Structure formats: structure tokens, C-alpha cells
Amino acid sequence: MANDNIIRRAPDTPTPQLETQIAPSDSPFSRREEFLRDQLQCCLCGEHLAFTHKVELSEDASPIMIMREEAHCPTCRIPLRRERHAIQ
């Protein structure tokens, strides 16, 4: 009865390969439109976002120009995004 504690392992079976297919609605053009909608419209109400841009110098040892971009929804009146971009 010493063999009662042995756990048997299932035989290794190869995993099926998944086929990657692009759906007709998943074209690069529709993905681009979806990305632009996410960047330009409010995620709560769908209104177009209002952007403000301000250019300033960084306070590092080697000063570079930084553009601060802020996006807010004029309808919801909430700030949605604040980003800093280095200008070369």
C-alpha cells in the first residue's frame, strides 16, 4: 500500500496553436479612429476635450523646453489628463 500516495501526472499533450485573424472591423484605420476618439473625447460624456498648452524651460542642469498639455471636459468640468512633453 506504499504506492497509494503516488500522484499520477497527466500525459503531456501539445497545446493547440491559436490562429490570429484580423476581424474586418479591426482594421488599422478603425484602430486609429478609436485611439483618436480616446484622446480627443471625454470618457464620461463623449464631449470634445478642451486643451491648454504652456511652454516652459526645465530647471535641470541642461535646460530644455517642456510643453505642458492639460485636457479637461468643458461639460463635466473635470481635468482628465496632464502630460509633459520635451521639445527638441
PDB file of N, CA and C in Angstrom:
ATOM      1  N   MET A   1       0.813  -1.195   0.000  1.00  0.00           N
ATOM      2  CA  MET A   1       0.000   0.000   0.000  1.00  0.00           C
ATOM      3  C   MET A   1       0.858   1.262   0.000  1.00  0.00           C
ATOM      4  N   ALA A   2       2.139   1.122  -0.202  1.00  0.00           N
ATOM      5  CA  ALA A   2       3.028   2.284  -0.236  1.00  0.00           C
ATOM      6  C   ALA A   2       2.795   3.105  -1.484  1.00  0.00           C
ATOM      7  N   ASN A   3       2.241   2.521  -2.534  1.00  0.00           N
ATOM      8  CA  ASN A   3       2.038   3.231  -3.788  1.00  0.00           C
ATOM      9  C   ASN A   3       0.743   4.029  -3.807  1.00  0.00           C
ATOM     10  N   ASP A   4      -0.048   3.994  -2.746  1.00  0.00           N
ATOM     11  CA  ASP A   4      -1.307   4.734  -2.717  1.00  0.00           C
ATOM     12  C   ASP A   4      -1.082   6.246  -2.672  1.00  0.00           C
ATOM     13  N   ASN A   5       0.069   6.704  -2.202  1.00  0.00           N
ATOM     14  CA  ASN A   5       0.335   8.139  -2.071  1.00  0.00           C
ATOM     15  C   ASN A   5       0.959   8.754  -3.318  1.00  0.00           C
ATOM     16  N   ILE A   6       1.182   7.965  -4.329  1.00  0.00           N
ATOM     17  CA  ILE A   6       1.796   8.480  -5.554  1.00  0.00           C
ATOM     18  C   ILE A   6       0.713   9.164  -6.388  1.00  0.00           C
ATOM     19  N   ILE A   7       1.004  10.374  -6.772  1.00  0.00           N
ATOM     20  CA  ILE A   7       0.068  11.123  -7.627  1.00  0.00           C
ATOM     21  C   ILE A   7       0.521  10.950  -9.060  1.00  0.00           C
ATOM     22  N   ARG A   8      -0.394  10.540  -9.893  1.00  0.00           N
ATOM     23  CA  ARG A   8      -0.048  10.338 -11.292  1.00  0.00           C
ATOM     24  C   ARG A   8      -0.219  11.645 -12.059  1.00  0.00           C
ATOM     25  N   ARG A   9       0.750  11.913 -12.902  1.00  0.00           N
ATOM     26  CA  ARG A   9       0.745  13.107 -13.733  1.00  0.00           C
ATOM     27  C   ARG A   9       0.055  12.815 -15.052  1.00  0.00           C
ATOM     28  N   ALA A  10      -0.706  13.751 -15.511  1.00  0.00           N
ATOM     29  CA  ALA A  10      -1.363  13.588 -16.803  1.00  0.00           C
ATOM     30  C   ALA A  10      -0.306  13.629 -17.897  1.00  0.00           C
ATOM     31  N   PRO A  11      -0.495  12.887 -18.953  1.00  0.00           N
ATOM     32  CA  PRO A  11       0.487  12.906 -20.047  1.00  0.00           C
ATOM     33  C   PRO A  11       0.537  14.297 -20.687  1.00  0.00           C
ATOM     34  N   ASP A  12       1.738  14.689 -21.072  1.00  0.00           N
ATOM     35  CA  ASP A  12       1.906  15.992 -21.721  1.00  0.00           C
ATOM     36  C   ASP A  12       1.247  15.961 -23.088  1.00  0.00           C
ATOM     37  N   THR A  13       0.340  16.871 -23.300  1.00  0.00           N
ATOM     38  CA  THR A  13      -0.305  16.984 -24.599  1.00  0.00           C
ATOM     39  C   THR A  13       0.046  18.344 -25.166  1.00  0.00           C
ATOM     40  N   PRO A  14       0.295  18.436 -26.435  1.00  0.00           N
ATOM     41  CA  PRO A  14       0.635  19.738 -27.025  1.00  0.00           C
ATOM     42  C   PRO A  14      -0.566  20.673 -26.959  1.00  0.00           C
ATOM     43  N   THR A  15      -0.286  21.931 -26.665  1.00  0.00           N
ATOM     44  CA  THR A  15      -1.366  22.915 -26.605  1.00  0.00           C
ATOM     45  C   THR A  15      -1.707  23.348 -28.022  1.00  0.00           C
ATOM     46  N   PRO A  16      -2.976  23.502 -28.304  1.00  0.00           N
ATOM     47  CA  PRO A  16      -3.356  23.911 -29.661  1.00  0.00           C
ATOM     48  C   PRO A  16      -2.900  25.348 -29.927  1.00  0.00           C
ATOM     49  N   GLN A  17      -2.415  25.590 -31.130  1.00  0.00           N
ATOM     50  CA  GLN A  17      -1.981  26.933 -31.515  1.00  0.00           C
ATOM     51  C   GLN A  17      -3.210  27.746 -31.904  1.00  0.00           C
ATOM     52  N   LEU A  18      -3.291  28.958 -31.356  1.00  0.00           N
ATOM     53  CA  LEU A  18      -4.401  29.838 -31.679  1.00  0.00           C
ATOM     54  C   LEU A  18      -4.107  30.583 -32.964  1.00  0.00           C
ATOM     55  N   GLU A  19      -5.080  30.663 -33.805  1.00  0.00           N
ATOM     56  CA  GLU A  19      -4.906  31.394 -35.047  1.00  0.00           C
ATOM     57  C   GLU A  19      -5.220  32.854 -34.795  1.00  0.00           C
ATOM     58  N   THR A  20      -4.343  33.718 -35.269  1.00  0.00           N
ATOM     59  CA  THR A  20      -4.583  35.150 -35.126  1.00  0.00           C
ATOM     60  C   THR A  20      -5.139  35.652 -36.436  1.00  0.00           C
ATOM     61  N   GLN A  21      -6.350  36.087 -36.370  1.00  0.00           N
ATOM     62  CA  GLN A  21      -7.006  36.619 -37.549  1.00  0.00           C
ATOM     63  C   GLN A  21      -7.471  38.029 -37.233  1.00  0.00           C
ATOM     64  N   ILE A  22      -7.376  38.890 -38.218  1.00  0.00           N
ATOM     65  CA  ILE A  22      -7.836  40.263 -38.060  1.00  0.00           C
ATOM     66  C   ILE A  22      -9.282  40.323 -38.521  1.00  0.00           C
ATOM     67  N   ALA A  23     -10.121  40.752 -37.618  1.00  0.00           N
ATOM     68  CA  ALA A  23     -11.534  40.888 -37.969  1.00  0.00           C
ATOM     69  C   ALA A  23     -11.686  42.075 -38.920  1.00  0.00           C
ATOM     70  N   PRO A  24     -12.713  42.082 -39.752  1.00  0.00           N
ATOM     71  CA  PRO A  24     -12.912  43.195 -40.674  1.00  0.00           C
ATOM     72  C   PRO A  24     -13.047  44.535 -39.954  1.00  0.00           C
ATOM     73  N   SER A  25     -13.610  44.542 -38.757  1.00  0.00           N
ATOM     74  CA  SER A  25     -13.783  45.803 -38.030  1.00  0.00           C
ATOM     75  C   SER A  25     -12.519  46.192 -37.286  1.00  0.00           C
ATOM     76  N   ASP A  26     -11.478  45.347 -37.324  1.00  0.00           N
ATOM     77  CA  ASP A  26     -10.245  45.599 -36.590  1.00  0.00           C
ATOM     78  C   ASP A  26      -9.140  46.082 -37.533  1.00  0.00           C
ATOM     79  N   SER A  27      -9.515  46.811 -38.554  1.00  0.00           N
ATOM     80  CA  SER A  27      -8.518  47.312 -39.497  1.00  0.00           C
ATOM     81  C   SER A  27      -7.699  48.417 -38.845  1.00  0.00           C
ATOM     82  N   PRO A  28      -6.514  48.685 -39.366  1.00  0.00           N
ATOM     83  CA  PRO A  28      -5.697  49.765 -38.785  1.00  0.00           C
ATOM     84  C   PRO A  28      -6.414  51.110 -38.787  1.00  0.00           C
ATOM     85  N   PHE A  29      -7.259  51.336 -39.770  1.00  0.00           N
ATOM     86  CA  PHE A  29      -7.979  52.607 -39.824  1.00  0.00           C
ATOM     87  C   PHE A  29      -8.960  52.736 -38.668  1.00  0.00           C
ATOM     88  N   SER A  30      -9.694  51.664 -38.334  1.00  0.00           N
ATOM     89  CA  SER A  30     -10.655  51.751 -37.235  1.00  0.00           C
ATOM     90  C   SER A  30      -9.936  51.836 -35.889  1.00  0.00           C
ATOM     91  N   ARG A  31      -8.747  51.177 -35.769  1.00  0.00           N
ATOM     92  CA  ARG A  31      -7.976  51.299 -34.526  1.00  0.00           C
ATOM     93  C   ARG A  31      -7.467  52.721 -34.353  1.00  0.00           C
ATOM     94  N   ARG A  32      -7.096  53.364 -35.455  1.00  0.00           N
ATOM     95  CA  ARG A  32      -6.647  54.754 -35.403  1.00  0.00           C
ATOM     96  C   ARG A  32      -7.786  55.666 -34.969  1.00  0.00           C
ATOM     97  N   GLU A  33      -8.963  55.452 -35.532  1.00  0.00           N
ATOM     98  CA  GLU A  33     -10.126  56.261 -35.148  1.00  0.00           C
ATOM     99  C   GLU A  33     -10.469  56.067 -33.679  1.00  0.00           C
ATOM    100  N   GLU A  34     -10.362  54.847 -33.173  1.00  0.00           N
ATOM    101  CA  GLU A  34     -10.641  54.579 -31.762  1.00  0.00           C
ATOM    102  C   GLU A  34      -9.623  55.272 -30.865  1.00  0.00           C
ATOM    103  N   PHE A  35      -8.348  55.250 -31.263  1.00  0.00           N
ATOM    104  CA  PHE A  35      -7.314  55.929 -30.495  1.00  0.00           C
ATOM    105  C   PHE A  35      -7.574  57.442 -30.451  1.00  0.00           C
ATOM    106  N   LEU A  36      -7.903  58.024 -31.599  1.00  0.00           N
ATOM    107  CA  LEU A  36      -8.176  59.464 -31.635  1.00  0.00           C
ATOM    108  C   LEU A  36      -9.396  59.821 -30.798  1.00  0.00           C
ATOM    109  N   ARG A  37     -10.406  58.985 -30.826  1.00  0.00           N
ATOM    110  CA  ARG A  37     -11.597  59.243 -30.010  1.00  0.00           C
ATOM    111  C   ARG A  37     -11.241  59.213 -28.530  1.00  0.00           C
ATOM    112  N   ASP A  38     -10.397  58.253 -28.118  1.00  0.00           N
ATOM    113  CA  ASP A  38      -9.979  58.175 -26.720  1.00  0.00           C
ATOM    114  C   ASP A  38      -9.169  59.399 -26.305  1.00  0.00           C
ATOM    115  N   GLN A  39      -8.404  59.963 -27.235  1.00  0.00           N
ATOM    116  CA  GLN A  39      -7.557  61.107 -26.913  1.00  0.00           C
ATOM    117  C   GLN A  39      -8.301  62.428 -26.955  1.00  0.00           C
ATOM    118  N   LEU A  40      -9.340  62.519 -27.764  1.00  0.00           N
ATOM    119  CA  LEU A  40      -9.983  63.803 -28.007  1.00  0.00           C
ATOM    120  C   LEU A  40     -11.358  63.959 -27.374  1.00  0.00           C
ATOM    121  N   GLN A  41     -11.953  62.888 -26.851  1.00  0.00           N
ATOM    122  CA  GLN A  41     -13.303  62.966 -26.293  1.00  0.00           C
ATOM    123  C   GLN A  41     -13.301  62.568 -24.827  1.00  0.00           C
ATOM    124  N   CYS A  42     -14.234  63.119 -24.070  1.00  0.00           N
ATOM    125  CA  CYS A  42     -14.388  62.799 -22.649  1.00  0.00           C
ATOM    126  C   CYS A  42     -14.863  61.358 -22.501  1.00  0.00           C
ATOM    127  N   CYS A  43     -14.245  60.640 -21.564  1.00  0.00           N
ATOM    128  CA  CYS A  43     -14.628  59.243 -21.356  1.00  0.00           C
ATOM    129  C   CYS A  43     -15.953  59.116 -20.610  1.00  0.00           C
ATOM    130  N   LEU A  44     -16.431  60.211 -20.009  1.00  0.00           N
ATOM    131  CA  LEU A  44     -17.694  60.155 -19.269  1.00  0.00           C
ATOM    132  C   LEU A  44     -18.896  60.555 -20.119  1.00  0.00           C
ATOM    133  N   CYS A  45     -18.757  61.680 -20.844  1.00  0.00           N
ATOM    134  CA  CYS A  45     -19.925  62.173 -21.576  1.00  0.00           C
ATOM    135  C   CYS A  45     -19.747  62.192 -23.097  1.00  0.00           C
ATOM    136  N   GLY A  46     -18.525  62.010 -23.604  1.00  0.00           N
ATOM    137  CA  GLY A  46     -18.298  61.988 -25.043  1.00  0.00           C
ATOM    138  C   GLY A  46     -18.089  63.350 -25.665  1.00  0.00           C
ATOM    139  N   GLU A  47     -18.091  64.407 -24.866  1.00  0.00           N
ATOM    140  CA  GLU A  47     -17.873  65.773 -25.369  1.00  0.00           C
ATOM    141  C   GLU A  47     -16.411  65.936 -25.787  1.00  0.00           C
ATOM    142  N   HIS A  48     -16.160  66.833 -26.750  1.00  0.00           N
ATOM    143  CA  HIS A  48     -14.789  67.109 -27.165  1.00  0.00           C
ATOM    144  C   HIS A  48     -14.042  67.800 -26.026  1.00  0.00           C
ATOM    145  N   LEU A  49     -12.791  67.364 -25.799  1.00  0.00           N
ATOM    146  CA  LEU A  49     -11.990  67.923 -24.725  1.00  0.00           C
ATOM    147  C   LEU A  49     -11.436  69.289 -25.112  1.00  0.00           C
ATOM    148  N   ALA A  50     -11.218  70.118 -24.103  1.00  0.00           N
ATOM    149  CA  ALA A  50     -10.557  71.411 -24.295  1.00  0.00           C
ATOM    150  C   ALA A  50      -9.116  71.252 -23.833  1.00  0.00           C
ATOM    151  N   PHE A  51      -8.175  71.716 -24.646  1.00  0.00           N
ATOM    152  CA  PHE A  51      -6.758  71.571 -24.350  1.00  0.00           C
ATOM    153  C   PHE A  51      -6.135  72.932 -24.082  1.00  0.00           C
ATOM    154  N   THR A  52      -5.189  72.955 -23.143  1.00  0.00           N
ATOM    155  CA  THR A  52      -4.350  74.122 -22.937  1.00  0.00           C
ATOM    156  C   THR A  52      -2.906  73.665 -23.023  1.00  0.00           C
ATOM    157  N   HIS A  53      -2.076  74.509 -23.628  1.00  0.00           N
ATOM    158  CA  HIS A  53      -0.663  74.192 -23.802  1.00  0.00           C
ATOM    159  C   HIS A  53       0.157  75.351 -23.267  1.00  0.00           C
ATOM    160  N   LYS A  54       1.213  75.018 -22.549  1.00  0.00           N
ATOM    161  CA  LYS A  54       2.088  76.024 -21.984  1.00  0.00           C
ATOM    162  C   LYS A  54       3.525  75.549 -22.160  1.00  0.00           C
ATOM    163  N   VAL A  55       4.377  76.399 -22.729  1.00  0.00           N
ATOM    164  CA  VAL A  55       5.772  76.045 -22.961  1.00  0.00           C
ATOM    165  C   VAL A  55       6.620  76.722 -21.887  1.00  0.00           C
ATOM    166  N   GLU A  56       7.541  75.958 -21.306  1.00  0.00           N
ATOM    167  CA  GLU A  56       8.410  76.491 -20.260  1.00  0.00           C
ATOM    168  C   GLU A  56       9.771  75.820 -20.343  1.00  0.00           C
ATOM    169  N   LEU A  57      10.772  76.392 -19.688  1.00  0.00           N
ATOM    170  CA  LEU A  57      12.102  75.805 -19.622  1.00  0.00           C
ATOM    171  C   LEU A  57      12.196  74.926 -18.390  1.00  0.00           C
ATOM    172  N   SER A  58      12.876  73.799 -18.537  1.00  0.00           N
ATOM    173  CA  SER A  58      13.063  72.916 -17.381  1.00  0.00           C
ATOM    174  C   SER A  58      14.117  73.518 -16.460  1.00  0.00           C
ATOM    175  N   GLU A  59      14.117  73.087 -15.219  1.00  0.00           N
ATOM    176  CA  GLU A  59      15.048  73.614 -14.240  1.00  0.00           C
ATOM    177  C   GLU A  59      16.227  72.682 -14.027  1.00  0.00           C
ATOM    178  N   ASP A  60      16.483  71.789 -14.958  1.00  0.00           N
ATOM    179  CA  ASP A  60      17.603  70.857 -14.857  1.00  0.00           C
ATOM    180  C   ASP A  60      18.907  71.570 -15.182  1.00  0.00           C
ATOM    181  N   ALA A  61      20.016  70.820 -15.043  1.00  0.00           N
ATOM    182  CA  ALA A  61      21.333  71.382 -15.353  1.00  0.00           C
ATOM    183  C   ALA A  61      21.427  71.762 -16.831  1.00  0.00           C
ATOM    184  N   SER A  62      20.878  70.932 -17.705  1.00  0.00           N
ATOM    185  CA  SER A  62      20.833  71.281 -19.123  1.00  0.00           C
ATOM    186  C   SER A  62      19.394  71.657 -19.462  1.00  0.00           C
ATOM    187  N   PRO A  63      19.105  72.954 -19.560  1.00  0.00           N
ATOM    188  CA  PRO A  63      17.706  73.367 -19.770  1.00  0.00           C
ATOM    189  C   PRO A  63      17.177  72.940 -21.139  1.00  0.00           C
ATOM    190  N   ILE A  64      16.011  72.352 -21.130  1.00  0.00           N
ATOM    191  CA  ILE A  64      15.296  72.002 -22.352  1.00  0.00           C
ATOM    192  C   ILE A  64      13.896  72.570 -22.250  1.00  0.00           C
ATOM    193  N   MET A  65      13.270  72.707 -23.371  1.00  0.00           N
ATOM    194  CA  MET A  65      11.909  73.242 -23.377  1.00  0.00           C
ATOM    195  C   MET A  65      10.926  72.112 -23.107  1.00  0.00           C
ATOM    196  N   ILE A  66       9.969  72.397 -22.266  1.00  0.00           N
ATOM    197  CA  ILE A  66       8.927  71.442 -21.900  1.00  0.00           C
ATOM    198  C   ILE A  66       7.569  72.046 -22.267  1.00  0.00           C
ATOM    199  N   MET A  67       6.739  71.256 -22.920  1.00  0.00           N
ATOM    200  CA  MET A  67       5.376  71.697 -23.201  1.00  0.00           C
ATOM    201  C   MET A  67       4.444  70.953 -22.249  1.00  0.00           C
ATOM    202  N   ARG A  68       3.689  71.696 -21.474  1.00  0.00           N
ATOM    203  CA  ARG A  68       2.697  71.094 -20.577  1.00  0.00           C
ATOM    204  C   ARG A  68       1.353  71.120 -21.278  1.00  0.00           C
ATOM    205  N   GLU A  69       0.760  69.951 -21.386  1.00  0.00           N
ATOM    206  CA  GLU A  69      -0.541  69.816 -22.040  1.00  0.00           C
ATOM    207  C   GLU A  69      -1.556  69.377 -20.990  1.00  0.00           C
ATOM    208  N   GLU A  70      -2.637  70.105 -20.918  1.00  0.00           N
ATOM    209  CA  GLU A  70      -3.714  69.746 -19.994  1.00  0.00           C
ATOM    210  C   GLU A  70      -5.006  69.634 -20.787  1.00  0.00           C
ATOM    211  N   ALA A  71      -5.764  68.590 -20.498  1.00  0.00           N
ATOM    212  CA  ALA A  71      -7.044  68.375 -21.159  1.00  0.00           C
ATOM    213  C   ALA A  71      -8.133  68.295 -20.100  1.00  0.00           C
ATOM    214  N   HIS A  72      -9.218  69.001 -20.361  1.00  0.00           N
ATOM    215  CA  HIS A  72     -10.358  68.924 -19.450  1.00  0.00           C
ATOM    216  C   HIS A  72     -11.651  68.947 -20.260  1.00  0.00           C
ATOM    217  N   CYS A  73     -12.701  68.435 -19.635  1.00  0.00           N
ATOM    218  CA  CYS A  73     -14.005  68.391 -20.291  1.00  0.00           C
ATOM    219  C   CYS A  73     -14.782  69.642 -19.894  1.00  0.00           C
ATOM    220  N   PRO A  74     -15.204  70.448 -20.853  1.00  0.00           N
ATOM    221  CA  PRO A  74     -15.971  71.648 -20.513  1.00  0.00           C
ATOM    222  C   PRO A  74     -17.360  71.323 -19.963  1.00  0.00           C
ATOM    223  N   THR A  75     -17.915  70.179 -20.311  1.00  0.00           N
ATOM    224  CA  THR A  75     -19.240  69.802 -19.815  1.00  0.00           C
ATOM    225  C   THR A  75     -19.170  69.254 -18.395  1.00  0.00           C
ATOM    226  N   CYS A  76     -18.280  68.290 -18.164  1.00  0.00           N
ATOM    227  CA  CYS A  76     -18.150  67.673 -16.836  1.00  0.00           C
ATOM    228  C   CYS A  76     -17.346  68.542 -15.869  1.00  0.00           C
ATOM    229  N   ARG A  77     -16.548  69.440 -16.423  1.00  0.00           N
ATOM    230  CA  ARG A  77     -15.687  70.331 -15.636  1.00  0.00           C
ATOM    231  C   ARG A  77     -14.714  69.575 -14.751  1.00  0.00           C
ATOM    232  N   ILE A  78     -14.136  68.529 -15.300  1.00  0.00           N
ATOM    233  CA  ILE A  78     -13.108  67.795 -14.560  1.00  0.00           C
ATOM    234  C   ILE A  78     -11.850  67.706 -15.428  1.00  0.00           C
ATOM    235  N   PRO A  79     -10.673  67.811 -14.802  1.00  0.00           N
ATOM    236  CA  PRO A  79      -9.438  67.609 -15.566  1.00  0.00           C
ATOM    237  C   PRO A  79      -9.239  66.119 -15.838  1.00  0.00           C
ATOM    238  N   LEU A  80      -8.901  65.811 -17.061  1.00  0.00           N
ATOM    239  CA  LEU A  80      -8.765  64.407 -17.434  1.00  0.00           C
ATOM    240  C   LEU A  80      -7.329  63.980 -17.676  1.00  0.00           C
ATOM    241  N   ARG A  81      -6.472  64.906 -18.118  1.00  0.00           N
ATOM    242  CA  ARG A  81      -5.129  64.484 -18.468  1.00  0.00           C
ATOM    243  C   ARG A  81      -4.176  65.661 -18.320  1.00  0.00           C
ATOM    244  N   ARG A  82      -2.997  65.376 -17.755  1.00  0.00           N
ATOM    245  CA  ARG A  82      -1.902  66.331 -17.690  1.00  0.00           C
ATOM    246  C   ARG A  82      -0.645  65.613 -18.129  1.00  0.00           C
ATOM    247  N   GLU A  83       0.010  66.131 -19.141  1.00  0.00           N
ATOM    248  CA  GLU A  83       1.213  65.493 -19.664  1.00  0.00           C
ATOM    249  C   GLU A  83       2.271  66.547 -19.911  1.00  0.00           C
ATOM    250  N   ARG A  84       3.507  66.097 -19.840  1.00  0.00           N
ATOM    251  CA  ARG A  84       4.640  66.959 -20.152  1.00  0.00           C
ATOM    252  C   ARG A  84       5.386  66.333 -21.321  1.00  0.00           C
ATOM    253  N   HIS A  85       5.687  67.155 -22.320  1.00  0.00           N
ATOM    254  CA  HIS A  85       6.401  66.692 -23.498  1.00  0.00           C
ATOM    255  C   HIS A  85       7.675  67.509 -23.650  1.00  0.00           C
ATOM    256  N   ALA A  86       8.799  66.842 -23.882  1.00  0.00           N
ATOM    257  CA  ALA A  86      10.058  67.536 -24.144  1.00  0.00           C
ATOM    258  C   ALA A  86      10.081  67.979 -25.597  1.00  0.00           C
ATOM    259  N   ILE A  87      10.427  69.226 -25.818  1.00  0.00           N
ATOM    260  CA  ILE A  87      10.532  69.771 -27.162  1.00  0.00           C
ATOM    261  C   ILE A  87      12.000  69.802 -27.527  1.00  0.00           C
ATOM    262  N   GLN A  88      12.350  69.178 -28.633  1.00  0.00           N
ATOM    263  CA  GLN A  88      13.761  69.126 -29.028  1.00  0.00           C
ATOM    264  C   GLN A  88      14.086  70.226 -30.006  1.00  0.00           C
TER     265      GLN A  88
END
